[in-house]
Amino acid sequence: MTFAPYIIGAIFLALFILAVRRIIRKGACCECHGDCGCCGGSAPQQPVGKTIGSVVAQRVLVLDGLHCANCVSGVKAALEAIPGVAADVTLNPQRALVRMDRAIPDETLREAVEEQGFSVVSINKSVES
């Protein structure tokens, strides 16, 4: 009784499994290849066109770590979960324009973003061009 066919079959099966895993990982929506947890549509859905009262302040948050549309959605939802905040978040450049209808400390905005797993590089009081 020879075990060669079984060994060769096991090798081919292992190579097949590795190839399938690689194809699936390359199918991730961003350069993180699914390792950041952002891919797969699990980001919370944000309200469309959130309205707030009269804008009394605005901030531009320069962000780092956004890889895809789900990352953008997660940051937008986190910021808009703060009462009195409406946000527009972009992937390129990685920024959030935050409009507020009341005074909200910059640290509150920073914490909302960082709880989503992203970094705030800077917070500016005026809109950058």
Protein backbone atom coordinates (compact mmCIF):
# COMPACT_ATOMS: atom_id res chain seq x y z
CA MET A 1 0.00 0.00 0.00
CA THR A 2 1.46 3.34 -1.07
CA PHE A 3 0.65 6.67 0.51
CA ALA A 4 2.02 8.81 -2.34
CA PRO A 5 -1.41 9.59 -3.88
CA TYR A 6 -2.75 10.69 -0.48
CA ILE A 7 0.25 12.91 0.19
CA ILE A 8 0.06 14.50 -3.25
CA GLY A 9 -3.70 15.00 -2.81
CA ALA A 10 -3.17 16.65 0.58
CA ILE A 11 -0.58 19.01 -0.93
CA PHE A 12 -2.93 20.00 -3.76
CA LEU A 13 -5.78 20.54 -1.30
CA ALA A 14 -3.60 22.80 0.88
CA LEU A 15 -2.49 24.82 -2.16
CA PHE A 16 -6.10 25.15 -3.30
CA ILE A 17 -7.21 26.42 0.13
CA LEU A 18 -4.36 28.95 0.22
CA ALA A 19 -5.22 30.19 -3.28
CA VAL A 20 -8.90 30.63 -2.38
CA ARG A 21 -8.00 32.56 0.80
CA ARG A 22 -5.74 34.85 -1.21
CA ILE A 23 -8.47 35.54 -3.78
CA ILE A 24 -10.98 36.30 -1.03
CA ARG A 25 -8.57 38.66 0.76
CA LYS A 26 -7.77 40.49 -2.47
CA GLY A 27 -11.51 41.07 -2.81
CA ALA A 28 -11.46 43.37 0.23
CA CYS A 29 -12.65 46.89 -0.47
CA CYS A 30 -9.42 48.61 0.51
CA GLU A 31 -5.67 48.32 0.89
CA CYS A 32 -5.99 46.85 4.37
CA HIS A 33 -7.21 43.57 2.78
CA GLY A 34 -9.84 43.17 5.47
CA ASP A 35 -7.41 43.34 8.39
CA CYS A 36 -8.73 46.63 9.77
CA GLY A 37 -12.26 45.41 10.33
CA CYS A 38 -13.69 48.20 8.21
CA CYS A 39 -14.65 46.11 5.20
CA GLY A 40 -17.77 44.10 4.77
CA GLY A 41 -20.48 46.68 5.21
CA SER A 42 -20.56 46.51 8.98
CA ALA A 43 -20.29 50.27 9.44
CA PRO A 44 -23.31 51.87 11.04
CA GLN A 45 -25.69 53.57 8.65
CA GLN A 46 -25.74 57.33 9.03
CA PRO A 47 -28.78 59.50 8.57
CA VAL A 48 -28.89 61.08 5.13
CA GLY A 49 -28.63 64.86 5.12
CA LYS A 50 -28.71 65.45 8.88
CA THR A 51 -29.97 68.92 9.64
CA ILE A 52 -29.01 71.01 12.63
CA GLY A 53 -29.98 74.46 13.88
CA SER A 54 -28.06 77.60 12.98
CA VAL A 55 -24.38 76.84 12.56
CA VAL A 56 -22.42 78.66 15.28
CA ALA A 57 -19.08 76.91 14.79
CA GLN A 58 -17.31 74.63 12.38
CA ARG A 59 -14.13 72.60 12.46
CA VAL A 60 -12.02 70.79 9.90
CA LEU A 61 -10.62 67.54 11.26
CA VAL A 62 -7.60 66.21 9.38
CA LEU A 63 -7.84 62.43 9.74
CA ASP A 64 -5.61 59.41 9.24
CA GLY A 65 -6.39 55.74 8.74
CA LEU A 66 -9.44 55.88 6.48
CA HIS A 67 -9.27 53.18 3.81
CA CYS A 68 -12.70 52.93 2.24
CA ALA A 69 -16.30 54.14 2.12
CA ASN A 70 -17.18 52.11 5.21
CA CYS A 71 -14.47 53.94 7.16
CA VAL A 72 -15.94 57.26 6.00
CA SER A 73 -19.46 56.13 6.98
CA GLY A 74 -18.31 55.05 10.41
CA VAL A 75 -16.61 58.39 11.16
CA LYS A 76 -19.59 60.35 9.83
CA ALA A 77 -22.02 58.35 11.97
CA ALA A 78 -19.84 58.72 15.07
CA LEU A 79 -19.60 62.49 14.67
CA GLU A 80 -23.29 62.88 13.90
CA ALA A 81 -24.18 60.86 16.99
CA ILE A 82 -23.06 63.95 18.96
CA PRO A 83 -26.13 66.18 19.43
CA GLY A 84 -25.92 69.36 17.37
CA VAL A 85 -23.33 68.05 14.90
CA ALA A 86 -23.54 67.55 11.14
CA ALA A 87 -20.48 66.22 9.32
CA ASP A 88 -19.18 65.72 5.81
CA VAL A 89 -16.32 63.21 5.70
CA THR A 90 -14.09 62.64 2.68
CA LEU A 91 -11.67 59.86 1.87
CA ASN A 92 -9.29 61.87 -0.31
CA PRO A 93 -8.27 64.07 1.37
CA GLN A 94 -8.99 62.39 4.70
CA ARG A 95 -10.97 65.19 6.31
CA ALA A 96 -14.19 65.88 8.14
CA LEU A 97 -15.99 69.20 7.92
CA VAL A 98 -17.97 69.44 11.14
CA ARG A 99 -20.76 72.00 11.53
CA MET A 100 -22.14 72.60 15.02
CA ASP A 101 -25.21 74.43 16.29
CA ARG A 102 -23.67 74.81 19.77
CA ALA A 103 -20.23 74.94 21.34
CA ILE A 104 -18.73 71.45 21.43
CA PRO A 105 -15.20 70.87 22.74
CA ASP A 106 -12.64 69.72 20.18
CA GLU A 107 -11.80 66.83 22.50
CA THR A 108 -15.35 65.49 22.14
CA LEU A 109 -14.95 65.40 18.35
CA ARG A 110 -11.51 63.78 18.66
CA GLU A 111 -12.84 61.07 20.99
CA ALA A 112 -15.72 60.24 18.63
CA VAL A 113 -13.28 59.66 15.76
CA GLU A 114 -10.72 57.77 17.83
CA GLU A 115 -13.39 55.43 19.23
CA GLN A 116 -13.90 54.30 15.63
CA GLY A 117 -10.20 53.39 15.42
CA PHE A 118 -8.95 56.36 13.39
CA SER A 119 -6.53 59.17 14.19
CA VAL A 120 -7.13 62.91 14.26
CA VAL A 121 -3.99 64.63 12.97
CA SER A 122 -5.24 68.16 13.62
CA ILE A 123 -8.38 70.20 14.26
CA ASN A 124 -8.65 73.56 12.50
CA LYS A 125 -11.21 76.26 13.24
CA SER A 126 -11.56 77.53 9.67
CA VAL A 127 -12.27 75.73 6.43
CA GLU A 128 -9.12 74.90 4.48
CA SER A 129 -9.17 75.30 0.74
